[in-house]
Structures are given as C-alpha cells and as structure tokens.
Amino acid sequence: MLSVIFHNKNIRPSTILLGSLAASGPLALSIHVQSIPTISHDFNTSYAVAQLTVSIFLIVFATSQLFIGPLSDKIGRRPVIFSGLILLGIASLGATFAPSIELLIIARILQALGGCATLVVPRAIVQDVYEGNEAARMMALVAMIQSIAPLTAPIIGGVLDAIFGWRSIFAFLTLFTCLLGLWTLVVLKETRPLENDGNTASWSDIFVRYGRLLSSRIYVGYTLAFAAGTSGFFGFLAVGPSLIIENMGLAPILFSILLMLITLQFPAGNYVASKMISFISINHTLLWGAILGIGASIMFLILSPLTSLWAILFPMILYAFSNGIIFPNAMAGAASVDRRIAGTAASFAGFCQLGTGAIVALLISTLPTNTIKPYAITLVVLSIATLIGILIVFYSIKKKN
C-alpha cells in the first residue's frame, strides 16, 4: 500500500467557502424549477420538454462525476474547481440569452459540468484535511451550508421571475459564479495528498482503484445508503411544479415558499447530525436517519390519497430532515474508505446519488401528475434500500473485526 503525505493542516480552507462552492451546482439545478411552466410557454413547447432542463442537468451532473473526481486526484483540487467555475459562469451567461429551448438545454448541460466540479471537489478537500468523526462533522457543516442553495433558490428564482422574467435567474447565476470565483482564487490552497515518491498516479491506476472501491462491501454499503437516502427529493422537483402549481392552482411564488419550508429541514438535519456524532458513531447516526426516512415515506404513502397540501408538506418535511442526517455521514464514510483517492470515492458515491435522482425524476415525470402516490411509493422503496445499505456496513465491519 502506498504511503501518503497529507498537506499541512494549517491550510484548511474556510468551511463557508467549501459550502458555497458545493452549493453552486445545486443552486444552478433548482433555481428555475418554478419557472418551468413559464419557459414552456415562452418557447411554445410542452412542459415535458421544458422539464428536460432539470432531468438532463441531473444526468450530466451525475455522470461527469466519474471523471471529475479522479481528475482532481490526478492534477489537484484547485485546477478542477477553477475550471468548473469558469464553465459554470460562461454557461449561465449563455442560458440568459438562449433564443430557443434547444440552446437553453445545451447551456444547462454545460452548467451541469461546471457545477459538478464545484460539488465534488469540496467533499474530497474535507477528507484531505480531516479524519474520522471530525471529517463527518465538517462534512455535515459543509452540507448544511450547501443546503442553503435549494433552500433559497426557489425564493430567489421566484422573485426574479416575478419582477424581471425567467432570464434574470440565469443572469443572477452568472454574477454569483463570478464573485465565488474571485473569492476562491484568493483563499483556496491546494490540499491534494502527495505520494511519497512525488509521482502522480496514472489514469489506468485511478480506474483500477474504482474496482478496488467497489470490491469493498463497506464502501458499497455507504454508497447505497448515500444514493438511496438522499436522491428522493429530485423526484419532488420533477412532479411538484405540475402537481401543486398546475393541478392545485398554487401560485409559483407560494410553491417556492412551500419548497423552502421542505428544504429548510435538510440543514436542520445536518446540524442535528453534527451533534449526534459527538455522542454516537457515524453508523448509528446513519441508522437513526434511515429509520426516520422509512417512517416519513410510509406516512406519505398512507396520506397520498388525500388532496390536501398538508398531506404533502408534513411527510416531506420529515423525509427532508432524515436526508439531512444521512447525507454527511454516508458521504464521510464512503470517502474515508481510502483517503488517498477521496476524490474518486466521493465522485462515485455522488454519481450513484445523482444518477438515482435523475432516474427518479425521469420516471416520475412520465407518470400521471394528478396524484402524488407514485412518488410516495418511490420514497418507500428508496428508504428501504437506504436501510439495507447501512446494514451492509454494520455486517461488513463486524465480519472484518
């Protein structure tokens, strides 16, 4: 096994900066969801086509992690983050002036590539400079800051759309990315661990390590828990606008407030997780998060025949809170299996999460949007899969010991 030299812990980057970088991709993903009906109308296309600006973004966001993580392990964290910020800024500017739905979708693809880099690399940086429970606690804090994006994005997007039109949403993203890039340029130092011989691993070595990660039952368990336990919310982004705005008649700005109330539970769960780690292990914290998620999804399924807004809001609040507990612990566990390739480990876990989210979003968007029941059933399945992943971790650790 190769020995590794880790960078001086005195160069630990600001948690706020890491959280802001990690937030830029999710911000780009969800800031315009309440404007999908308007975009559909402006481009004279169907809602399903306009919704591709979310689902295709998710697919690209997920698959690009497979090479962005290894790339950051190979050439360093800083170059990958800066490249991502530049691409995200240019693509956001292109989306602002897109003359057709086709060019808007292309701009969204480029946004996803740039936003993926700023999401993956901060997770690897946490593993570069922290260990064990401290890494899990810092991952929770970064995730808590990151979750401000889906929390505030619908409100920001809704207000901008109401006052200036939907194109102003992407103009805002352009400005945000430029300011974040300047901050990163001044503050962020390189943290990638250095091998003793000073040589950088070849691409073939990196992809061999993908195989090594997947041969670890502990890594597979953490990744399954992370992917299944935190991807269900993407389905709500797909079905929510149509069900609540078009079928229930709620105004887009009110839908944005509803979405904010739900996503507010994610940082709340992150905060609780950061405190729980001080008293119980990462794995037991994960277990409690999974149990809460199963309870919330079953409640959602039971209440799904009702047409009341509360029948959607209350279970989703509990489910989002469970996501907040699961997210940092599962990611910290997955990325810590081999700290030398934390970028690769975080990338594949993120790929599985967003890939699952994209599949859920595409599946839900093809089903009837006049009922929430198909989505509720999906959450039950994902919650059970989360519990299975955590049980795999417990079993593998027990067998290893």
Protein backbone atom coordinates (compact mmCIF):
# COMPACT_ATOMS: atom_id res chain seq x y z
CA MET A 1 0.00 0.00 0.00
CA LEU A 2 1.33 3.42 -0.93
CA SER A 3 2.14 5.76 1.93
CA VAL A 4 0.75 9.24 1.64
CA ILE A 5 1.89 12.68 2.69
CA PHE A 6 -1.04 14.96 3.54
CA HIS A 7 -0.75 18.70 3.24
CA ASN A 8 -0.24 20.91 6.27
CA LYS A 9 -3.49 21.16 8.24
CA ASN A 10 -2.82 24.90 8.63
CA ILE A 11 -4.09 25.36 5.05
CA ARG A 12 -7.54 24.06 5.94
CA PRO A 13 -9.93 26.13 3.82
CA SER A 14 -12.88 28.05 5.18
CA THR A 15 -15.91 25.86 5.80
CA ILE A 16 -18.08 28.67 4.43
CA LEU A 17 -16.07 28.70 1.19
CA LEU A 18 -16.31 24.92 0.77
CA GLY A 19 -20.03 25.03 1.46
CA SER A 20 -20.53 27.89 -1.01
CA LEU A 21 -18.61 26.04 -3.71
CA ALA A 22 -20.61 22.87 -3.07
CA ALA A 23 -23.82 24.92 -3.20
CA SER A 24 -23.23 26.42 -6.65
CA GLY A 25 -24.19 23.26 -8.56
CA PRO A 26 -27.41 22.57 -6.61
CA LEU A 27 -28.24 26.28 -6.90
CA ALA A 28 -27.98 26.06 -10.69
CA LEU A 29 -30.08 22.89 -10.64
CA SER A 30 -33.12 24.12 -8.74
CA ILE A 31 -33.23 27.90 -9.01
CA HIS A 32 -35.52 27.88 -12.06
CA VAL A 33 -37.88 24.97 -11.30
CA GLN A 34 -40.84 27.23 -10.51
CA SER A 35 -40.30 28.90 -13.91
CA ILE A 36 -40.58 25.71 -15.97
CA PRO A 37 -44.24 26.39 -16.90
CA THR A 38 -43.27 29.93 -17.99
CA ILE A 39 -40.29 28.67 -20.01
CA SER A 40 -42.56 26.10 -21.65
CA HIS A 41 -45.00 28.86 -22.63
CA ASP A 42 -42.33 31.29 -23.87
CA PHE A 43 -40.70 28.71 -26.14
CA ASN A 44 -44.08 27.29 -27.21
CA THR A 45 -43.13 23.78 -26.15
CA SER A 46 -44.57 21.14 -23.83
CA TYR A 47 -43.98 21.00 -20.09
CA ALA A 48 -42.19 17.65 -20.55
CA VAL A 49 -39.66 19.23 -22.94
CA ALA A 50 -39.08 22.24 -20.68
CA GLN A 51 -38.64 19.86 -17.74
CA LEU A 52 -35.61 18.40 -19.55
CA THR A 53 -33.71 21.46 -18.27
CA VAL A 54 -33.85 19.66 -14.90
CA SER A 55 -33.63 15.97 -15.81
CA ILE A 56 -30.83 16.29 -18.39
CA PHE A 57 -28.94 18.57 -15.99
CA LEU A 58 -29.17 15.79 -13.40
CA ILE A 59 -27.94 13.11 -15.82
CA VAL A 60 -24.88 15.15 -16.85
CA PHE A 61 -24.31 16.26 -13.25
CA ALA A 62 -24.22 12.61 -12.21
CA THR A 63 -22.14 11.04 -14.98
CA SER A 64 -19.49 13.77 -15.11
CA GLN A 65 -18.55 12.96 -11.51
CA LEU A 66 -16.98 9.73 -12.75
CA PHE A 67 -14.09 11.64 -14.33
CA ILE A 68 -14.07 14.88 -12.32
CA GLY A 69 -13.22 13.13 -9.03
CA PRO A 70 -10.31 11.11 -10.48
CA LEU A 71 -9.15 14.24 -12.32
CA SER A 72 -8.90 16.12 -9.01
CA ASP A 73 -6.92 13.19 -7.55
CA LYS A 74 -4.57 13.37 -10.54
CA ILE A 75 -3.94 17.09 -11.16
CA GLY A 76 -5.12 18.70 -7.91
CA ARG A 77 -8.20 20.27 -6.37
CA ARG A 78 -7.61 23.91 -7.38
CA PRO A 79 -7.36 23.46 -11.18
CA VAL A 80 -10.54 21.39 -11.30
CA ILE A 81 -12.51 23.84 -9.17
CA PHE A 82 -11.39 26.87 -11.21
CA SER A 83 -12.20 25.13 -14.50
CA GLY A 84 -15.65 24.27 -13.16
CA LEU A 85 -16.34 27.84 -12.06
CA ILE A 86 -15.31 29.25 -15.45
CA LEU A 87 -17.53 26.78 -17.31
CA LEU A 88 -20.46 27.39 -14.95
CA GLY A 89 -20.19 31.16 -15.43
CA ILE A 90 -19.99 31.01 -19.23
CA ALA A 91 -22.87 28.53 -19.46
CA SER A 92 -25.05 30.66 -17.16
CA LEU A 93 -24.43 33.66 -19.41
CA GLY A 94 -25.40 31.53 -22.42
CA ALA A 95 -28.62 30.41 -20.72
CA THR A 96 -29.50 34.06 -20.04
CA PHE A 97 -29.65 34.82 -23.77
CA ALA A 98 -30.71 31.41 -25.13
CA PRO A 99 -33.03 32.02 -28.13
CA SER A 100 -34.54 28.52 -28.16
CA ILE A 101 -35.31 25.65 -25.82
CA GLU A 102 -32.64 23.54 -27.56
CA LEU A 103 -29.89 26.08 -26.84
CA LEU A 104 -31.15 26.51 -23.28
CA ILE A 105 -30.82 22.75 -22.74
CA ILE A 106 -27.27 22.84 -24.17
CA ALA A 107 -26.40 25.67 -21.77
CA ARG A 108 -27.84 23.60 -18.93
CA ILE A 109 -25.60 20.67 -19.92
CA LEU A 110 -22.53 22.91 -19.67
CA GLN A 111 -23.78 24.32 -16.36
CA ALA A 112 -24.03 20.77 -15.03
CA LEU A 113 -20.41 20.02 -16.00
CA GLY A 114 -19.14 23.13 -14.24
CA GLY A 115 -21.38 22.73 -11.21
CA CYS A 116 -20.32 19.12 -10.81
CA ALA A 117 -16.68 20.15 -10.31
CA THR A 118 -17.59 22.63 -7.58
CA LEU A 119 -19.72 20.00 -5.85
CA VAL A 120 -17.35 17.01 -5.88
CA VAL A 121 -14.02 18.62 -5.03
CA PRO A 122 -15.02 20.26 -1.71
CA ARG A 123 -16.05 16.81 -0.42
CA ALA A 124 -12.60 15.48 -1.30
CA ILE A 125 -10.94 18.50 0.36
CA VAL A 126 -12.70 17.69 3.64
CA GLN A 127 -11.16 14.20 3.55
CA ASP A 128 -7.77 15.71 2.64
CA VAL A 129 -7.54 17.72 5.85
CA TYR A 130 -9.82 15.97 8.38
CA GLU A 131 -10.15 12.42 9.69
CA GLY A 132 -12.76 10.18 11.33
CA ASN A 133 -15.61 11.77 13.26
CA GLU A 134 -14.11 15.22 12.69
CA ALA A 135 -14.37 14.66 8.94
CA ALA A 136 -18.02 13.60 9.34
CA ARG A 137 -18.73 16.67 11.49
CA MET A 138 -17.12 19.00 8.93
CA MET A 139 -18.96 17.22 6.11
CA ALA A 140 -22.19 17.94 8.00
CA LEU A 141 -21.30 21.64 8.30
CA VAL A 142 -20.35 21.88 4.61
CA ALA A 143 -23.59 20.10 3.70
CA MET A 144 -25.54 22.48 5.94
CA ILE A 145 -24.11 25.49 4.07
CA GLN A 146 -24.58 23.71 0.74
CA SER A 147 -28.24 23.11 1.56
CA ILE A 148 -28.83 26.86 1.67
CA ALA A 149 -28.87 26.64 -2.15
CA PRO A 150 -32.02 24.50 -2.53
CA LEU A 151 -33.46 26.37 0.45
CA THR A 152 -33.10 29.85 -1.04
CA ALA A 153 -33.03 29.02 -4.76
CA PRO A 154 -36.82 28.78 -5.24
CA ILE A 155 -37.36 32.09 -3.43
CA ILE A 156 -34.59 33.86 -5.36
CA GLY A 157 -35.77 32.37 -8.63
CA GLY A 158 -39.43 33.10 -7.90
CA VAL A 159 -38.78 36.75 -7.02
CA LEU A 160 -36.51 37.31 -10.03
CA ASP A 161 -39.02 35.65 -12.36
CA ALA A 162 -41.92 37.68 -10.96
CA ILE A 163 -40.07 41.01 -11.31
CA PHE A 164 -37.70 40.63 -14.27
CA GLY A 165 -38.66 37.38 -16.01
CA TRP A 166 -37.04 33.94 -16.00
CA ARG A 167 -33.91 35.03 -17.91
CA SER A 168 -32.84 37.16 -14.96
CA ILE A 169 -32.44 33.93 -12.97
CA PHE A 170 -29.51 32.87 -15.14
CA ALA A 171 -28.08 36.39 -15.12
CA PHE A 172 -28.02 36.14 -11.32
CA LEU A 173 -26.19 32.78 -11.57
CA THR A 174 -23.58 34.41 -13.82
CA LEU A 175 -22.89 37.15 -11.28
CA PHE A 176 -22.86 34.70 -8.35
CA THR A 177 -20.33 32.45 -10.10
CA CYS A 178 -18.01 35.36 -10.90
CA LEU A 179 -17.96 36.54 -7.28
CA LEU A 180 -17.43 33.00 -5.99
CA GLY A 181 -14.56 32.54 -8.43
CA LEU A 182 -12.78 35.66 -7.16
CA TRP A 183 -13.19 34.51 -3.55
CA THR A 184 -11.84 31.05 -4.38
CA LEU A 185 -8.87 32.47 -6.28
CA VAL A 186 -7.78 34.49 -3.26
CA VAL A 187 -8.46 31.97 -0.47
CA LEU A 188 -8.27 28.35 -1.64
CA LYS A 189 -4.94 26.50 -1.44
CA GLU A 190 -4.10 23.08 -2.85
CA THR A 191 -4.89 20.21 -0.45
CA ARG A 192 -4.47 17.08 -2.59
CA PRO A 193 -2.41 14.43 -0.74
CA LEU A 194 1.04 13.76 -2.20
CA GLU A 195 2.52 10.29 -2.58
CA ASN A 196 6.00 9.89 -1.12
CA ASP A 197 7.71 9.44 -4.49
CA GLY A 198 6.17 12.67 -5.78
CA ASN A 199 4.66 10.96 -8.82
CA THR A 200 1.02 11.35 -9.82
CA ALA A 201 -0.98 8.18 -10.37
CA SER A 202 -1.75 7.29 -13.99
CA TRP A 203 -5.28 7.19 -15.34
CA SER A 204 -5.13 3.40 -15.53
CA ASP A 205 -4.20 3.24 -11.83
CA ILE A 206 -7.08 5.55 -10.93
CA PHE A 207 -9.69 3.44 -12.69
CA VAL A 208 -8.23 0.28 -11.20
CA ARG A 209 -8.93 1.92 -7.84
CA TYR A 210 -12.58 2.27 -8.85
CA GLY A 211 -12.60 -1.51 -8.92
CA ARG A 212 -10.92 -1.66 -5.52
CA LEU A 213 -13.53 0.65 -4.04
CA LEU A 214 -16.37 -1.43 -5.45
CA SER A 215 -14.80 -4.59 -4.04
CA SER A 216 -15.17 -3.09 -0.55
CA ARG A 217 -18.51 -4.05 0.99
CA ILE A 218 -18.18 -1.16 3.42
CA TYR A 219 -17.84 1.31 0.54
CA VAL A 220 -20.75 -0.28 -1.32
CA GLY A 221 -22.92 -0.09 1.80
CA TYR A 222 -22.15 3.57 2.44
CA THR A 223 -22.69 4.41 -1.23
CA LEU A 224 -26.03 2.59 -1.36
CA ALA A 225 -27.17 4.42 1.78
CA PHE A 226 -26.00 7.75 0.36
CA ALA A 227 -27.58 7.25 -3.07
CA ALA A 228 -30.91 5.85 -1.91
CA GLY A 229 -31.16 8.01 1.20
CA THR A 230 -30.64 11.40 -0.44
CA SER A 231 -31.90 11.13 -4.04
CA GLY A 232 -35.66 11.03 -3.48
CA PHE A 233 -36.01 14.81 -3.29
CA PHE A 234 -35.16 15.12 -7.01
CA GLY A 235 -38.43 13.38 -7.82
CA PHE A 236 -40.30 16.12 -5.99
CA LEU A 237 -38.59 18.73 -8.17
CA ALA A 238 -39.98 16.88 -11.19
CA VAL A 239 -43.56 16.31 -10.02
CA GLY A 240 -44.04 19.22 -7.60
CA PRO A 241 -44.49 22.15 -10.02
CA SER A 242 -47.04 20.31 -12.16
CA LEU A 243 -49.00 18.82 -9.26
CA ILE A 244 -49.05 21.83 -6.95
CA ILE A 245 -48.94 24.79 -9.36
CA GLU A 246 -50.99 23.49 -12.28
CA ASN A 247 -53.35 20.98 -10.61
CA MET A 248 -53.79 22.55 -7.17
CA GLY A 249 -53.64 26.11 -8.51
CA LEU A 250 -50.93 27.38 -6.14
CA ALA A 251 -49.06 30.49 -7.35
CA PRO A 252 -45.39 29.90 -8.32
CA ILE A 253 -44.14 32.18 -5.54
CA LEU A 254 -46.22 30.23 -2.98
CA PHE A 255 -44.82 26.99 -4.34
CA SER A 256 -41.36 28.48 -3.82
CA ILE A 257 -42.22 29.13 -0.17
CA LEU A 258 -43.51 25.57 0.20
CA LEU A 259 -40.28 24.25 -1.30
CA MET A 260 -38.30 26.43 1.09
CA LEU A 261 -40.15 25.01 4.12
CA ILE A 262 -39.29 21.49 2.98
CA THR A 263 -35.64 22.13 2.13
CA LEU A 264 -35.15 24.02 5.41
CA GLN A 265 -35.27 20.62 7.10
CA PHE A 266 -32.14 19.48 5.28
CA PRO A 267 -29.73 21.89 7.06
CA ALA A 268 -31.64 21.20 10.26
CA GLY A 269 -30.86 17.51 9.80
CA ASN A 270 -27.22 18.35 9.01
CA TYR A 271 -26.95 20.31 12.25
CA VAL A 272 -28.52 17.54 14.33
CA ALA A 273 -26.19 15.02 12.67
CA SER A 274 -23.13 17.13 13.57
CA LYS A 275 -24.25 17.00 17.22
CA MET A 276 -25.20 13.31 17.23
CA ILE A 277 -21.69 12.35 16.09
CA SER A 278 -20.35 13.69 19.40
CA PHE A 279 -22.35 11.04 21.28
CA ILE A 280 -22.80 8.06 18.95
CA SER A 281 -20.91 6.65 15.98
CA ILE A 282 -21.32 7.68 12.35
CA ASN A 283 -23.01 4.36 11.58
CA HIS A 284 -25.56 4.58 14.39
CA THR A 285 -26.35 8.16 13.34
CA LEU A 286 -26.96 6.82 9.84
CA LEU A 287 -29.22 4.11 11.21
CA TRP A 288 -31.44 6.61 13.03
CA GLY A 289 -31.66 8.72 9.86
CA ALA A 290 -32.76 5.69 7.85
CA ILE A 291 -35.43 4.72 10.38
CA LEU A 292 -36.84 8.25 10.28
CA GLY A 293 -36.84 8.17 6.46
CA ILE A 294 -38.79 4.91 6.38
CA GLY A 295 -41.37 6.30 8.79
CA ALA A 296 -41.78 9.51 6.77
CA SER A 297 -42.15 7.69 3.44
CA ILE A 298 -44.74 5.25 4.83
CA MET A 299 -46.69 8.20 6.25
CA PHE A 300 -46.51 9.86 2.82
CA LEU A 301 -47.92 6.74 1.16
CA ILE A 302 -50.77 6.49 3.67
CA LEU A 303 -51.71 10.17 3.18
CA SER A 304 -51.25 10.16 -0.63
CA PRO A 305 -54.97 9.65 -1.47
CA LEU A 306 -55.74 12.99 0.20
CA THR A 307 -55.70 16.15 -1.92
CA SER A 308 -54.69 18.40 0.98
CA LEU A 309 -51.46 20.36 0.74
CA TRP A 310 -50.67 19.29 4.33
CA ALA A 311 -50.71 15.64 3.24
CA ILE A 312 -47.69 16.51 1.07
CA LEU A 313 -45.96 19.06 3.28
CA PHE A 314 -45.74 17.20 6.60
CA PRO A 315 -44.28 13.88 5.33
CA MET A 316 -41.87 15.75 3.04
CA ILE A 317 -40.61 17.82 5.98
CA LEU A 318 -39.80 14.64 7.94
CA TYR A 319 -38.27 12.99 4.88
CA ALA A 320 -36.04 16.01 4.15
CA PHE A 321 -34.91 16.05 7.80
CA SER A 322 -33.88 12.38 7.55
CA ASN A 323 -31.95 13.22 4.35
CA GLY A 324 -30.03 15.85 6.29
CA ILE A 325 -28.94 13.25 8.84
CA ILE A 326 -27.97 10.63 6.26
CA PHE A 327 -26.10 12.84 3.77
CA PRO A 328 -22.93 13.91 5.64
CA ASN A 329 -22.39 10.62 7.46
CA ALA A 330 -22.82 8.40 4.41
CA MET A 331 -20.57 10.64 2.29
CA ALA A 332 -17.90 10.87 5.01
CA GLY A 333 -17.99 7.10 5.43
CA ALA A 334 -17.69 6.43 1.69
CA ALA A 335 -14.89 8.97 1.15
CA SER A 336 -12.88 7.67 4.12
CA VAL A 337 -12.55 4.09 2.84
CA ASP A 338 -9.33 5.12 1.03
CA ARG A 339 -8.29 8.70 1.79
CA ARG A 340 -5.61 8.67 -0.93
CA ILE A 341 -8.36 8.69 -3.55
CA ALA A 342 -11.04 10.61 -1.66
CA GLY A 343 -11.97 12.45 -4.87
CA THR A 344 -12.62 9.19 -6.70
CA ALA A 345 -14.58 7.74 -3.77
CA ALA A 346 -16.70 10.88 -3.36
CA SER A 347 -17.26 11.04 -7.12
CA PHE A 348 -18.67 7.56 -7.48
CA ALA A 349 -20.92 8.00 -4.43
CA GLY A 350 -22.13 11.30 -5.89
CA PHE A 351 -22.63 9.67 -9.29
CA CYS A 352 -24.82 6.99 -7.73
CA GLN A 353 -26.82 9.59 -5.80
CA LEU A 354 -27.46 11.92 -8.71
CA GLY A 355 -27.88 9.05 -11.15
CA THR A 356 -30.58 7.62 -8.92
CA GLY A 357 -32.09 11.10 -8.62
CA ALA A 358 -32.12 11.52 -12.41
CA ILE A 359 -33.79 8.14 -12.89
CA VAL A 360 -36.38 9.00 -10.24
CA ALA A 361 -37.04 12.41 -11.84
CA LEU A 362 -37.40 10.92 -15.33
CA LEU A 363 -39.62 8.11 -14.06
CA ILE A 364 -41.88 10.43 -12.08
CA SER A 365 -42.17 12.90 -14.98
CA THR A 366 -43.58 10.12 -17.22
CA LEU A 367 -46.27 9.12 -14.71
CA PRO A 368 -49.59 10.92 -14.09
CA THR A 369 -49.01 14.21 -12.27
CA ASN A 370 -52.51 14.49 -10.81
CA THR A 371 -51.58 12.26 -7.86
CA ILE A 372 -48.61 12.04 -5.50
CA LYS A 373 -48.97 8.28 -4.91
CA PRO A 374 -46.33 7.08 -7.46
CA TYR A 375 -43.79 9.40 -5.86
CA ALA A 376 -44.72 8.20 -2.35
CA ILE A 377 -44.19 4.57 -3.41
CA THR A 378 -40.79 5.54 -4.82
CA LEU A 379 -39.76 7.09 -1.49
CA VAL A 380 -40.72 3.90 0.39
CA VAL A 381 -38.52 1.81 -1.93
CA LEU A 382 -35.58 4.23 -1.60
CA SER A 383 -35.89 4.33 2.20
CA ILE A 384 -35.79 0.54 2.46
CA ALA A 385 -32.72 0.48 0.19
CA THR A 386 -31.07 3.03 2.50
CA LEU A 387 -31.57 0.76 5.49
CA ILE A 388 -30.17 -2.20 3.54
CA GLY A 389 -27.02 -0.19 2.74
CA ILE A 390 -26.46 0.67 6.40
CA LEU A 391 -26.99 -2.95 7.46
CA ILE A 392 -24.36 -3.98 4.88
CA VAL A 393 -21.90 -1.59 6.57
CA PHE A 394 -22.64 -2.99 10.03
CA TYR A 395 -22.32 -6.58 8.80
CA SER A 396 -19.09 -5.91 6.89
CA ILE A 397 -17.43 -4.15 9.82
CA LYS A 398 -18.46 -6.95 12.20
CA LYS A 399 -17.13 -9.59 9.81
CA LYS A 400 -13.88 -7.67 9.28
CA ASN A 401 -13.31 -7.34 13.03
